[in-house]
C-alpha atoms as a PDB file:
ATOM      1  CA  UNK A   1     -67.170  16.307  27.628  1.00  0.00           C
ATOM      2  CA  UNK A   2     -69.823  14.305  25.861  1.00  0.00           C
ATOM      3  CA  UNK A   3     -73.518  15.211  25.843  1.00  0.00           C
ATOM      4  CA  UNK A   4     -74.314  12.409  28.301  1.00  0.00           C
ATOM      5  CA  UNK A   5     -71.495  13.479  30.672  1.00  0.00           C
ATOM      6  CA  UNK A   6     -72.804  17.048  30.543  1.00  0.00           C
ATOM      7  CA  UNK A   7     -76.393  15.967  31.228  1.00  0.00           C
ATOM      8  CA  UNK A   8     -75.409  13.527  33.976  1.00  0.00           C
ATOM      9  CA  UNK A   9     -73.265  16.150  35.733  1.00  0.00           C
ATOM     10  CA  UNK A  10     -76.154  18.617  36.030  1.00  0.00           C
ATOM     11  CA  UNK A  11     -78.680  15.915  36.901  1.00  0.00           C
ATOM     12  CA  UNK A  12     -76.366  14.820  39.750  1.00  0.00           C
ATOM     13  CA  UNK A  13     -76.092  18.421  40.986  1.00  0.00           C
ATOM     14  CA  UNK A  14     -79.897  18.650  41.073  1.00  0.00           C
ATOM     15  CA  UNK A  15     -80.037  15.372  43.009  1.00  0.00           C
ATOM     16  CA  UNK A  16     -77.544  16.686  45.584  1.00  0.00           C
ATOM     17  CA  UNK A  17     -78.872  20.218  46.082  1.00  0.00           C
ATOM     18  CA  UNK A  18     -80.942  20.534  49.270  1.00  0.00           C
ATOM     19  CA  UNK A  19     -83.597  22.753  47.655  1.00  0.00           C
ATOM     20  CA  UNK A  20     -84.131  20.436  44.683  1.00  0.00           C
ATOM     21  CA  UNK A  21     -83.302  16.816  45.613  1.00  0.00           C
ATOM     22  CA  UNK A  22     -84.302  15.622  42.149  1.00  0.00           C
ATOM     23  CA  UNK A  23     -85.508  12.017  41.987  1.00  0.00           C
ATOM     24  CA  UNK A  24     -87.743   9.867  39.806  1.00  0.00           C
ATOM     25  CA  UNK A  25     -90.546  10.445  42.315  1.00  0.00           C
ATOM     26  CA  UNK A  26     -90.083  14.241  42.579  1.00  0.00           C
ATOM     27  CA  UNK A  27     -88.640  15.687  39.401  1.00  0.00           C
ATOM     28  CA  UNK A  28     -86.696  18.952  39.597  1.00  0.00           C
ATOM     29  CA  UNK A  29     -84.555  18.427  36.471  1.00  0.00           C
ATOM     30  CA  UNK A  30     -85.242  18.205  32.743  1.00  0.00           C
ATOM     31  CA  UNK A  31     -83.133  18.626  29.635  1.00  0.00           C
ATOM     32  CA  UNK A  32     -84.094  20.147  26.325  1.00  0.00           C
ATOM     33  CA  UNK A  33     -82.559  20.554  22.898  1.00  0.00           C
ATOM     34  CA  UNK A  34     -83.515  24.178  22.435  1.00  0.00           C
ATOM     35  CA  UNK A  35     -85.006  25.191  19.110  1.00  0.00           C
ATOM     36  CA  UNK A  36     -86.607  28.421  17.941  1.00  0.00           C
ATOM     37  CA  UNK A  37     -88.883  28.760  14.921  1.00  0.00           C
ATOM     38  CA  UNK A  38     -88.872  31.623  12.402  1.00  0.00           C
ATOM     39  CA  UNK A  39     -91.337  33.587  14.548  1.00  0.00           C
ATOM     40  CA  UNK A  40     -89.134  33.385  17.645  1.00  0.00           C
ATOM     41  CA  UNK A  41     -91.322  30.784  19.378  1.00  0.00           C
ATOM     42  CA  UNK A  42     -89.247  28.188  21.263  1.00  0.00           C
ATOM     43  CA  UNK A  43     -89.924  24.630  22.284  1.00  0.00           C
ATOM     44  CA  UNK A  44     -89.090  25.733  25.855  1.00  0.00           C
ATOM     45  CA  UNK A  45     -92.268  27.838  25.823  1.00  0.00           C
ATOM     46  CA  UNK A  46     -94.267  24.813  24.662  1.00  0.00           C
ATOM     47  CA  UNK A  47     -92.688  22.607  27.318  1.00  0.00           C
ATOM     48  CA  UNK A  48     -93.434  25.041  30.144  1.00  0.00           C
ATOM     49  CA  UNK A  49     -96.973  25.768  28.958  1.00  0.00           C
ATOM     50  CA  UNK A  50     -97.732  22.033  29.195  1.00  0.00           C
ATOM     51  CA  UNK A  51     -99.122  21.622  32.701  1.00  0.00           C
ATOM     52  CA  UNK A  52     -98.295  17.889  32.559  1.00  0.00           C
ATOM     53  CA  UNK A  53     -94.511  18.392  32.484  1.00  0.00           C
ATOM     54  CA  UNK A  54     -94.222  16.589  35.837  1.00  0.00           C
ATOM     55  CA  UNK A  55     -91.704  19.098  37.182  1.00  0.00           C
ATOM     56  CA  UNK A  56     -91.877  20.284  40.784  1.00  0.00           C
ATOM     57  CA  UNK A  57     -90.939  23.896  41.586  1.00  0.00           C
ATOM     58  CA  UNK A  58     -88.162  24.997  41.802  1.00  0.00           C
ATOM     59  CA  UNK A  59     -86.541  23.125  38.924  1.00  0.00           C
ATOM     60  CA  UNK A  60     -83.711  23.238  36.396  1.00  0.00           C
ATOM     61  CA  UNK A  61     -84.065  22.859  32.653  1.00  0.00           C
ATOM     62  CA  UNK A  62     -80.713  22.156  31.009  1.00  0.00           C
ATOM     63  CA  UNK A  63     -80.222  23.181  27.366  1.00  0.00           C
ATOM     64  CA  UNK A  64     -77.921  21.125  25.189  1.00  0.00           C
ATOM     65  CA  UNK A  65     -74.439  22.611  24.915  1.00  0.00           C
ATOM     66  CA  UNK A  66     -72.966  24.221  21.833  1.00  0.00           C
ATOM     67  CA  UNK A  67     -69.372  23.372  20.957  1.00  0.00           C
ATOM     68  CA  UNK A  68     -67.138  26.199  19.761  1.00  0.00           C
ATOM     69  CA  UNK A  69     -63.532  25.615  18.661  1.00  0.00           C
ATOM     70  CA  UNK A  70     -60.643  28.043  19.048  1.00  0.00           C
ATOM     71  CA  UNK A  71     -57.543  27.607  16.904  1.00  0.00           C
ATOM     72  CA  UNK A  72     -54.747  30.176  17.038  1.00  0.00           C
ATOM     73  CA  UNK A  73     -52.864  28.245  14.335  1.00  0.00           C
ATOM     74  CA  UNK A  74     -50.798  26.689  17.113  1.00  0.00           C
ATOM     75  CA  UNK A  75     -50.504  23.252  18.647  1.00  0.00           C
ATOM     76  CA  UNK A  76     -53.156  24.074  21.266  1.00  0.00           C
ATOM     77  CA  UNK A  77     -56.690  23.837  19.892  1.00  0.00           C
ATOM     78  CA  UNK A  78     -59.373  24.609  22.477  1.00  0.00           C
ATOM     79  CA  UNK A  79     -62.943  23.371  22.624  1.00  0.00           C
ATOM     80  CA  UNK A  80     -65.518  25.492  24.446  1.00  0.00           C
ATOM     81  CA  UNK A  81     -68.762  23.942  25.681  1.00  0.00           C
ATOM     82  CA  UNK A  82     -71.205  26.840  25.796  1.00  0.00           C
ATOM     83  CA  UNK A  83     -74.032  25.685  28.046  1.00  0.00           C
ATOM     84  CA  UNK A  84     -77.187  27.139  29.517  1.00  0.00           C
ATOM     85  CA  UNK A  85     -79.795  26.240  32.092  1.00  0.00           C
ATOM     86  CA  UNK A  86     -82.891  27.836  33.554  1.00  0.00           C
ATOM     87  CA  UNK A  87     -83.835  27.780  37.224  1.00  0.00           C
ATOM     88  CA  UNK A  88     -87.554  28.389  37.441  1.00  0.00           C
ATOM     89  CA  UNK A  89     -90.221  28.539  40.107  1.00  0.00           C
ATOM     90  CA  UNK A  90     -93.841  29.497  40.537  1.00  0.00           C
ATOM     91  CA  UNK A  91     -94.913  32.746  42.143  1.00  0.00           C
ATOM     92  CA  UNK A  92     -98.012  34.803  42.725  1.00  0.00           C
ATOM     93  CA  UNK A  93     -98.462  37.508  40.099  1.00  0.00           C
ATOM     94  CA  UNK A  94     -97.820  40.301  42.568  1.00  0.00           C
ATOM     95  CA  UNK A  95     -94.765  42.571  42.431  1.00  0.00           C
ATOM     96  CA  UNK A  96     -93.191  41.731  45.811  1.00  0.00           C
ATOM     97  CA  UNK A  97     -93.812  37.985  45.420  1.00  0.00           C
ATOM     98  CA  UNK A  98     -92.210  38.026  41.976  1.00  0.00           C
ATOM     99  CA  UNK A  99     -89.189  40.000  43.239  1.00  0.00           C
ATOM    100  CA  UNK A 100     -88.691  37.464  46.051  1.00  0.00           C
ATOM    101  CA  UNK A 101     -88.916  34.605  43.546  1.00  0.00           C
ATOM    102  CA  UNK A 102     -86.286  36.235  41.287  1.00  0.00           C
ATOM    103  CA  UNK A 103     -83.997  36.747  44.301  1.00  0.00           C
ATOM    104  CA  UNK A 104     -84.377  33.075  45.346  1.00  0.00           C
ATOM    105  CA  UNK A 105     -83.608  31.828  41.835  1.00  0.00           C
ATOM    106  CA  UNK A 106     -80.577  34.131  41.487  1.00  0.00           C
ATOM    107  CA  UNK A 107     -79.231  32.866  44.824  1.00  0.00           C
ATOM    108  CA  UNK A 108     -79.823  29.276  43.677  1.00  0.00           C
ATOM    109  CA  UNK A 109     -78.011  30.022  40.401  1.00  0.00           C
ATOM    110  CA  UNK A 110     -75.011  31.368  42.310  1.00  0.00           C
ATOM    111  CA  UNK A 111     -74.969  28.183  44.399  1.00  0.00           C
ATOM    112  CA  UNK A 112     -74.781  26.098  41.208  1.00  0.00           C
ATOM    113  CA  UNK A 113     -72.023  28.328  39.784  1.00  0.00           C
ATOM    114  CA  UNK A 114     -70.022  28.034  43.004  1.00  0.00           C
ATOM    115  CA  UNK A 115     -70.317  24.223  42.872  1.00  0.00           C
ATOM    116  CA  UNK A 116     -69.189  24.214  39.234  1.00  0.00           C
ATOM    117  CA  UNK A 117     -66.240  26.427  40.178  1.00  0.00           C
ATOM    118  CA  UNK A 118     -65.316  24.021  42.984  1.00  0.00           C
ATOM    119  CA  UNK A 119     -65.698  20.908  40.804  1.00  0.00           C
ATOM    120  CA  UNK A 120     -63.629  22.304  37.951  1.00  0.00           C
ATOM    121  CA  UNK A 121     -61.165  24.555  39.813  1.00  0.00           C
ATOM    122  CA  UNK A 122     -58.401  22.142  38.827  1.00  0.00           C
ATOM    123  CA  UNK A 123     -58.239  20.564  35.420  1.00  0.00           C
ATOM    124  CA  UNK A 124     -60.410  17.477  35.798  1.00  0.00           C
ATOM    125  CA  UNK A 125     -60.110  15.156  32.805  1.00  0.00           C
ATOM    126  CA  UNK A 126     -58.582  18.135  31.006  1.00  0.00           C
ATOM    127  CA  UNK A 127     -61.719  20.265  31.592  1.00  0.00           C
ATOM    128  CA  UNK A 128     -61.710  23.719  33.084  1.00  0.00           C
ATOM    129  CA  UNK A 129     -64.395  26.187  34.133  1.00  0.00           C
ATOM    130  CA  UNK A 130     -64.108  29.901  34.840  1.00  0.00           C
ATOM    131  CA  UNK A 131     -66.748  32.264  36.183  1.00  0.00           C
ATOM    132  CA  UNK A 132     -65.510  34.875  33.706  1.00  0.00           C
ATOM    133  CA  UNK A 133     -67.884  33.767  30.926  1.00  0.00           C
ATOM    134  CA  UNK A 134     -70.882  33.089  33.206  1.00  0.00           C
ATOM    135  CA  UNK A 135     -74.094  35.111  33.020  1.00  0.00           C
ATOM    136  CA  UNK A 136     -77.340  35.220  34.994  1.00  0.00           C
ATOM    137  CA  UNK A 137     -80.383  36.856  33.352  1.00  0.00           C
ATOM    138  CA  UNK A 138     -83.924  37.253  34.591  1.00  0.00           C
ATOM    139  CA  UNK A 139     -86.605  35.285  32.731  1.00  0.00           C
ATOM    140  CA  UNK A 140     -90.073  36.756  32.588  1.00  0.00           C
ATOM    141  CA  UNK A 141     -93.172  34.743  33.151  1.00  0.00           C
ATOM    142  CA  UNK A 142     -93.611  31.733  30.856  1.00  0.00           C
ATOM    143  CA  UNK A 143     -96.956  30.298  31.821  1.00  0.00           C
ATOM    144  CA  UNK A 144     -96.769  29.783  35.584  1.00  0.00           C
ATOM    145  CA  UNK A 145     -92.982  30.139  35.831  1.00  0.00           C
ATOM    146  CA  UNK A 146     -90.316  32.791  36.245  1.00  0.00           C
ATOM    147  CA  UNK A 147     -86.695  32.710  37.286  1.00  0.00           C
ATOM    148  CA  UNK A 148     -83.221  33.024  35.803  1.00  0.00           C
ATOM    149  CA  UNK A 149     -81.245  31.810  32.810  1.00  0.00           C
ATOM    150  CA  UNK A 150     -77.607  30.904  33.450  1.00  0.00           C
ATOM    151  CA  UNK A 151     -75.012  30.831  30.679  1.00  0.00           C
ATOM    152  CA  UNK A 152     -71.533  29.347  31.150  1.00  0.00           C
ATOM    153  CA  UNK A 153     -68.587  27.741  29.382  1.00  0.00           C
ATOM    154  CA  UNK A 154     -66.358  24.748  30.035  1.00  0.00           C
ATOM    155  CA  UNK A 155     -63.004  24.604  28.268  1.00  0.00           C
ATOM    156  CA  UNK A 156     -60.893  21.661  27.192  1.00  0.00           C
ATOM    157  CA  UNK A 157     -58.150  20.947  24.692  1.00  0.00           C
ATOM    158  CA  UNK A 158     -59.250  19.408  21.419  1.00  0.00           C
ATOM    159  CA  UNK A 159     -55.888  18.473  19.887  1.00  0.00           C
ATOM    160  CA  UNK A 160     -56.486  14.721  20.111  1.00  0.00           C
ATOM    161  CA  UNK A 161     -60.137  14.873  19.044  1.00  0.00           C
ATOM    162  CA  UNK A 162     -59.282  16.956  15.965  1.00  0.00           C
ATOM    163  CA  UNK A 163     -56.112  15.086  14.971  1.00  0.00           C
ATOM    164  CA  UNK A 164     -56.541  13.830  11.417  1.00  0.00           C
ATOM    165  CA  UNK A 165     -56.563  10.036  11.139  1.00  0.00           C
ATOM    166  CA  UNK A 166     -56.285   8.755   7.563  1.00  0.00           C
ATOM    167  CA  UNK A 167     -57.658   5.381   8.717  1.00  0.00           C
ATOM    168  CA  UNK A 168     -61.130   6.980   8.956  1.00  0.00           C
ATOM    169  CA  UNK A 169     -61.193   7.803   5.247  1.00  0.00           C
ATOM    170  CA  UNK A 170     -61.305   5.762   2.066  1.00  0.00           C
ATOM    171  CA  UNK A 171     -58.280   6.741   0.037  1.00  0.00           C
ATOM    172  CA  UNK A 172     -56.562   8.545   2.935  1.00  0.00           C
ATOM    173  CA  UNK A 173     -57.024  12.162   1.851  1.00  0.00           C
END
């Protein structure tokens, strides 16, 4: 799965979900290449603190995926796409209102996970998804927003992608 396929998949889910219906006119989806400085301050914080983000609540922010390779010294090399997204909303700063907002975002997260499970229940283009590695964590208030962070993994084989091709190198080896 390429970065653009990954981004386009989640953008399409946000366009199709009844509670989001992302469009150019009403934006409920954004992507970010997450970075954290030496003091633990992230560019996600900066993005959410900017009141001109243009996002309408609730919304998804998709983090770029991290690729992890698994090689058991066999002929089956696996590539894991470790991804993450946040589902965030606004809420009054009152205990019951915040609890209701967390519950709504967790339910929304489970709806996205169930759609991912459906879409990748069979190997599609040699990709697979399992709920086993999925996580949902509460996210405290960042500016006006609170919600959940969802972590997940897609799996695929990487034998062809990692096959050495001497034609790519001057001098072969």
